């Protein structure tokens, strides 16, 4: 089975409310809380406007699309545990996330994905 998997939407599914609950608890720890995260080009320009750039500086940016579809579930859970695992109150959220990530099963192009 390939390491990649097609993106399957669960919108309006039986488990959609669980995903909304998980998202509401994880969002405060999300990438947009990082000082190194930029929403878009305009946000990047606003945040970096007026910063001194010296001749020996190299400015590098990266635009990533659909990165979530390529994150290994085990590594993703490991990252979430690293960030919020120190707060025992979030243990049920981590457990729900693990169940929701590891229990997905669907068929795409006559191929079964688990």
N, C-alpha and C. Protein backbone atom coordinates (compact mmCIF):
# COMPACT_ATOMS: atom_id res chain seq x y z
N UNK A 1 0.85 -1.18 0.00
CA UNK A 1 0.00 0.00 0.00
C UNK A 1 0.89 1.24 0.00
N UNK A 2 0.58 2.24 -0.82
CA UNK A 2 1.42 3.44 -0.89
C UNK A 2 1.38 4.24 0.41
N UNK A 3 2.44 5.02 0.66
CA UNK A 3 2.49 5.83 1.87
C UNK A 3 1.53 7.01 1.78
N UNK A 4 1.13 7.40 0.56
CA UNK A 4 0.19 8.50 0.40
C UNK A 4 -1.21 7.92 0.39
N UNK A 5 -2.16 8.78 0.58
CA UNK A 5 -3.55 8.36 0.51
C UNK A 5 -4.37 9.51 -0.03
N UNK A 6 -5.42 9.21 -0.78
CA UNK A 6 -6.26 10.28 -1.31
C UNK A 6 -6.96 11.02 -0.17
N UNK A 7 -7.28 12.25 -0.41
CA UNK A 7 -7.98 13.05 0.58
C UNK A 7 -9.46 12.67 0.53
N UNK A 8 -9.99 12.27 1.66
CA UNK A 8 -11.41 11.90 1.74
C UNK A 8 -12.10 12.86 2.69
N UNK A 9 -13.17 13.43 2.24
CA UNK A 9 -13.90 14.38 3.08
C UNK A 9 -14.88 13.65 3.97
N UNK A 10 -14.96 14.11 5.21
CA UNK A 10 -15.93 13.56 6.15
C UNK A 10 -16.99 14.60 6.50
N UNK A 11 -17.08 15.64 5.68
CA UNK A 11 -18.08 16.68 5.95
C UNK A 11 -19.46 16.05 5.99
N UNK A 12 -20.23 16.45 6.96
CA UNK A 12 -21.60 15.96 7.15
C UNK A 12 -21.67 14.46 7.44
N UNK A 13 -20.57 13.88 7.85
CA UNK A 13 -20.60 12.47 8.23
C UNK A 13 -20.98 12.34 9.70
N UNK A 14 -21.12 11.10 10.15
CA UNK A 14 -21.48 10.85 11.54
C UNK A 14 -20.39 11.35 12.49
N UNK A 15 -19.16 11.35 12.03
CA UNK A 15 -18.04 11.72 12.91
C UNK A 15 -17.62 13.18 12.78
N UNK A 16 -18.30 13.95 11.95
CA UNK A 16 -17.91 15.34 11.72
C UNK A 16 -17.89 16.16 13.01
N UNK A 17 -18.85 15.95 13.90
CA UNK A 17 -18.88 16.72 15.16
C UNK A 17 -17.67 16.40 16.03
N UNK A 18 -17.18 15.17 15.97
CA UNK A 18 -15.97 14.79 16.72
C UNK A 18 -14.78 15.58 16.19
N UNK A 19 -14.68 15.71 14.86
CA UNK A 19 -13.57 16.45 14.26
C UNK A 19 -13.62 17.93 14.62
N UNK A 20 -14.83 18.48 14.68
CA UNK A 20 -14.99 19.87 15.08
C UNK A 20 -14.54 20.05 16.53
N UNK A 21 -14.89 19.11 17.39
CA UNK A 21 -14.47 19.16 18.80
C UNK A 21 -12.95 19.09 18.92
N UNK A 22 -12.34 18.14 18.21
CA UNK A 22 -10.88 18.00 18.23
C UNK A 22 -10.22 19.30 17.75
N UNK A 23 -10.70 19.81 16.64
CA UNK A 23 -10.14 21.03 16.06
C UNK A 23 -10.24 22.21 17.02
N UNK A 24 -11.36 22.32 17.73
CA UNK A 24 -11.54 23.44 18.65
C UNK A 24 -10.54 23.39 19.80
N UNK A 25 -10.12 22.18 20.18
CA UNK A 25 -9.14 22.06 21.26
C UNK A 25 -7.70 22.21 20.77
N UNK A 26 -7.44 21.82 19.53
CA UNK A 26 -6.07 21.89 18.99
C UNK A 26 -5.73 23.26 18.40
N UNK A 27 -6.75 23.98 17.95
CA UNK A 27 -6.51 25.26 17.28
C UNK A 27 -5.64 26.24 18.08
N UNK A 28 -5.84 26.38 19.40
CA UNK A 28 -4.99 27.31 20.15
C UNK A 28 -3.51 26.96 20.12
N UNK A 29 -3.18 25.72 19.78
CA UNK A 29 -1.78 25.29 19.71
C UNK A 29 -1.28 25.27 18.27
N UNK A 30 -2.09 25.74 17.33
CA UNK A 30 -1.81 25.60 15.91
C UNK A 30 -0.66 26.43 15.39
N UNK A 31 -0.35 26.17 14.13
CA UNK A 31 0.75 26.85 13.45
C UNK A 31 0.59 28.36 13.47
N UNK A 32 -0.65 28.84 13.39
CA UNK A 32 -0.84 30.28 13.32
C UNK A 32 -0.43 30.98 14.62
N UNK A 33 -0.09 30.21 15.66
CA UNK A 33 0.41 30.78 16.90
C UNK A 33 1.93 30.97 16.87
N UNK A 34 2.57 30.38 15.85
CA UNK A 34 4.02 30.47 15.73
C UNK A 34 4.43 31.81 15.12
N UNK A 35 5.51 32.42 15.63
CA UNK A 35 5.97 33.67 15.03
C UNK A 35 6.58 33.45 13.64
N UNK A 36 6.75 32.20 13.24
CA UNK A 36 7.36 31.89 11.94
C UNK A 36 6.33 31.50 10.90
N UNK A 37 5.07 31.55 11.24
CA UNK A 37 4.00 31.17 10.34
C UNK A 37 3.37 32.42 9.73
N UNK A 38 3.13 32.37 8.43
CA UNK A 38 2.50 33.48 7.72
C UNK A 38 1.29 32.96 6.98
N UNK A 39 0.19 33.64 7.12
CA UNK A 39 -1.07 33.21 6.52
C UNK A 39 -1.01 33.25 5.00
N UNK A 40 -0.41 34.31 4.47
CA UNK A 40 -0.31 34.48 3.02
C UNK A 40 0.76 35.52 2.71
N UNK A 41 0.92 35.83 1.46
CA UNK A 41 1.96 36.78 1.05
C UNK A 41 1.77 38.14 1.70
N UNK A 42 0.53 38.61 1.76
CA UNK A 42 0.26 39.93 2.35
C UNK A 42 0.64 39.95 3.83
N UNK A 43 0.33 38.86 4.55
CA UNK A 43 0.67 38.74 5.96
C UNK A 43 2.19 38.73 6.14
N UNK A 44 2.89 38.05 5.25
CA UNK A 44 4.36 38.01 5.30
C UNK A 44 4.94 39.41 5.10
N UNK A 45 4.43 40.14 4.10
CA UNK A 45 4.93 41.50 3.82
C UNK A 45 4.65 42.41 5.01
N UNK A 46 3.47 42.32 5.59
CA UNK A 46 3.13 43.15 6.76
C UNK A 46 4.06 42.87 7.93
N UNK A 47 4.34 41.59 8.21
CA UNK A 47 5.15 41.22 9.37
C UNK A 47 6.64 41.54 9.17
N UNK A 48 7.09 41.57 7.93
CA UNK A 48 8.52 41.78 7.70
C UNK A 48 8.85 43.20 7.23
N UNK A 49 7.82 44.00 7.01
CA UNK A 49 8.05 45.38 6.55
C UNK A 49 8.88 46.13 7.58
N UNK A 50 9.94 46.76 7.13
CA UNK A 50 10.78 47.56 8.01
C UNK A 50 11.89 46.79 8.71
N UNK A 51 11.94 45.46 8.53
CA UNK A 51 13.04 44.70 9.13
C UNK A 51 14.33 44.99 8.37
N UNK A 52 15.42 45.17 9.08
CA UNK A 52 16.69 45.43 8.39
C UNK A 52 17.20 44.16 7.70
N UNK A 53 17.53 44.28 6.42
CA UNK A 53 18.12 43.17 5.68
C UNK A 53 19.53 43.56 5.28
N UNK A 54 20.48 42.79 5.75
CA UNK A 54 21.88 43.07 5.45
C UNK A 54 22.28 42.37 4.15
N UNK A 55 23.38 42.81 3.55
CA UNK A 55 23.82 42.26 2.28
C UNK A 55 24.07 40.76 2.33
N UNK A 56 24.47 40.24 3.48
CA UNK A 56 24.78 38.81 3.55
C UNK A 56 23.57 37.97 3.98
N UNK A 57 22.39 38.56 4.06
CA UNK A 57 21.17 37.82 4.41
C UNK A 57 20.62 37.14 3.17
N UNK A 58 20.08 35.97 3.37
CA UNK A 58 19.40 35.24 2.30
C UNK A 58 17.98 35.00 2.77
N UNK A 59 17.02 35.57 2.09
CA UNK A 59 15.61 35.45 2.46
C UNK A 59 15.00 34.30 1.66
N UNK A 60 14.47 33.31 2.37
CA UNK A 60 13.90 32.13 1.73
C UNK A 60 12.49 31.94 2.25
N UNK A 61 11.54 31.70 1.34
CA UNK A 61 10.17 31.38 1.73
C UNK A 61 9.76 30.08 1.05
N UNK A 62 8.72 29.48 1.57
CA UNK A 62 8.24 28.21 1.04
C UNK A 62 6.73 28.22 1.10
N UNK A 63 6.10 27.82 0.05
CA UNK A 63 4.65 27.72 0.03
C UNK A 63 4.29 26.25 -0.10
N UNK A 64 3.56 25.74 0.86
CA UNK A 64 3.20 24.32 0.87
C UNK A 64 1.69 24.20 0.76
N UNK A 65 1.24 23.36 -0.16
CA UNK A 65 -0.19 23.10 -0.30
C UNK A 65 -0.46 21.65 0.07
N UNK A 66 -1.57 21.42 0.70
CA UNK A 66 -2.04 20.07 1.03
C UNK A 66 -1.06 19.26 1.84
N UNK A 67 -0.29 19.91 2.70
CA UNK A 67 0.69 19.19 3.49
C UNK A 67 0.02 18.18 4.42
N UNK A 68 -1.18 18.48 4.90
CA UNK A 68 -1.85 17.59 5.84
C UNK A 68 -2.15 16.22 5.25
N UNK A 69 -2.32 16.14 3.94
CA UNK A 69 -2.62 14.84 3.33
C UNK A 69 -1.39 13.95 3.28
N UNK A 70 -0.22 14.51 3.53
CA UNK A 70 1.01 13.73 3.46
C UNK A 70 1.67 13.49 4.81
N UNK A 71 1.08 13.98 5.87
CA UNK A 71 1.65 13.78 7.20
C UNK A 71 1.30 12.37 7.67
N UNK A 72 2.33 11.61 7.99
CA UNK A 72 2.12 10.27 8.54
C UNK A 72 1.34 10.40 9.85
N UNK A 73 0.28 9.61 10.01
CA UNK A 73 -0.58 9.73 11.19
C UNK A 73 0.19 9.51 12.49
N UNK A 74 1.09 8.55 12.50
CA UNK A 74 1.86 8.27 13.71
C UNK A 74 2.73 9.46 14.08
N UNK A 75 3.39 10.05 13.09
CA UNK A 75 4.24 11.21 13.34
C UNK A 75 3.41 12.44 13.71
N UNK A 76 2.25 12.58 13.12
CA UNK A 76 1.36 13.68 13.46
C UNK A 76 0.90 13.58 14.91
N UNK A 77 0.51 12.37 15.32
CA UNK A 77 0.11 12.15 16.72
C UNK A 77 1.27 12.42 17.67
N UNK A 78 2.45 12.01 17.26
CA UNK A 78 3.66 12.24 18.07
C UNK A 78 3.87 13.75 18.26
N UNK A 79 3.68 14.51 17.20
CA UNK A 79 3.85 15.97 17.28
C UNK A 79 2.80 16.59 18.20
N UNK A 80 1.55 16.13 18.08
CA UNK A 80 0.49 16.65 18.95
C UNK A 80 0.78 16.31 20.40
N UNK A 81 1.21 15.07 20.65
CA UNK A 81 1.55 14.68 22.03
C UNK A 81 2.69 15.53 22.58
N UNK A 82 3.64 15.86 21.73
CA UNK A 82 4.78 16.69 22.16
C UNK A 82 4.31 18.07 22.60
N UNK A 83 3.34 18.62 21.88
CA UNK A 83 2.88 19.99 22.16
C UNK A 83 1.89 20.03 23.32
N UNK A 84 0.88 19.14 23.30
CA UNK A 84 -0.16 19.25 24.33
C UNK A 84 -0.16 18.10 25.33
N UNK A 85 0.73 17.13 25.16
CA UNK A 85 0.77 15.98 26.05
C UNK A 85 1.13 16.31 27.49
N UNK A 86 1.73 17.47 27.70
CA UNK A 86 2.11 17.85 29.07
C UNK A 86 0.92 18.37 29.86
N UNK A 87 -0.23 18.50 29.21
CA UNK A 87 -1.45 18.94 29.87
C UNK A 87 -2.42 17.76 29.94
N UNK A 88 -2.49 17.06 31.08
CA UNK A 88 -3.33 15.86 31.18
C UNK A 88 -4.80 16.09 30.81
N UNK A 89 -5.27 17.32 30.93
CA UNK A 89 -6.67 17.59 30.58
C UNK A 89 -6.94 17.29 29.10
N UNK A 90 -5.88 17.30 28.27
CA UNK A 90 -6.05 17.05 26.83
C UNK A 90 -5.93 15.58 26.45
N UNK A 91 -5.71 14.69 27.42
CA UNK A 91 -5.58 13.26 27.11
C UNK A 91 -6.78 12.72 26.32
N UNK A 92 -8.03 13.06 26.70
CA UNK A 92 -9.17 12.57 25.91
C UNK A 92 -9.16 13.11 24.47
N UNK A 93 -8.68 14.33 24.29
CA UNK A 93 -8.62 14.90 22.94
C UNK A 93 -7.61 14.13 22.09
N UNK A 94 -6.46 13.81 22.69
CA UNK A 94 -5.45 13.04 21.98
C UNK A 94 -5.98 11.65 21.64
N UNK A 95 -6.72 11.06 22.57
CA UNK A 95 -7.30 9.73 22.32
C UNK A 95 -8.32 9.79 21.18
N UNK A 96 -9.17 10.81 21.18
CA UNK A 96 -10.13 10.99 20.08
C UNK A 96 -9.43 11.20 18.75
N UNK A 97 -8.37 12.00 18.76
CA UNK A 97 -7.60 12.24 17.55
C UNK A 97 -7.01 10.94 17.02
N UNK A 98 -6.44 10.15 17.91
CA UNK A 98 -5.85 8.88 17.50
C UNK A 98 -6.90 7.95 16.90
N UNK A 99 -8.04 7.85 17.54
CA UNK A 99 -9.12 7.00 17.02
C UNK A 99 -9.57 7.49 15.66
N UNK A 100 -9.76 8.80 15.53
CA UNK A 100 -10.26 9.34 14.26
C UNK A 100 -9.23 9.19 13.13
N UNK A 101 -7.94 9.32 13.44
CA UNK A 101 -6.92 9.17 12.39
C UNK A 101 -6.69 7.71 12.02
N UNK A 102 -6.65 6.86 13.02
CA UNK A 102 -6.28 5.46 12.78
C UNK A 102 -7.46 4.57 12.38
N UNK A 103 -8.67 5.08 12.49
CA UNK A 103 -9.85 4.25 12.20
C UNK A 103 -10.50 4.58 10.87
N UNK A 104 -9.89 5.43 10.09
CA UNK A 104 -10.49 5.79 8.80
C UNK A 104 -10.32 4.64 7.82
N UNK A 105 -11.40 4.32 7.16
CA UNK A 105 -11.36 3.27 6.15
C UNK A 105 -12.29 3.69 5.02
N UNK A 106 -11.80 3.60 3.78
CA UNK A 106 -12.63 3.95 2.65
C UNK A 106 -12.04 3.32 1.39
N UNK A 107 -12.81 3.36 0.31
CA UNK A 107 -12.39 2.80 -0.98
C UNK A 107 -12.27 3.95 -1.97
N UNK A 108 -11.18 3.97 -2.72
CA UNK A 108 -10.95 4.98 -3.75
C UNK A 108 -10.33 4.28 -4.95
N UNK A 109 -10.92 4.42 -6.13
CA UNK A 109 -10.41 3.78 -7.33
C UNK A 109 -10.24 2.27 -7.15
N UNK A 110 -11.24 1.66 -6.55
CA UNK A 110 -11.23 0.21 -6.27
C UNK A 110 -10.08 -0.24 -5.38
N UNK A 111 -9.47 0.69 -4.66
CA UNK A 111 -8.39 0.35 -3.72
C UNK A 111 -8.86 0.71 -2.32
N UNK A 112 -8.65 -0.21 -1.38
CA UNK A 112 -9.10 -0.02 -0.01
C UNK A 112 -8.00 0.67 0.80
N UNK A 113 -8.36 1.75 1.49
CA UNK A 113 -7.42 2.48 2.34
C UNK A 113 -7.88 2.39 3.78
N UNK A 114 -6.93 2.16 4.66
CA UNK A 114 -7.20 2.07 6.10
C UNK A 114 -6.36 3.12 6.82
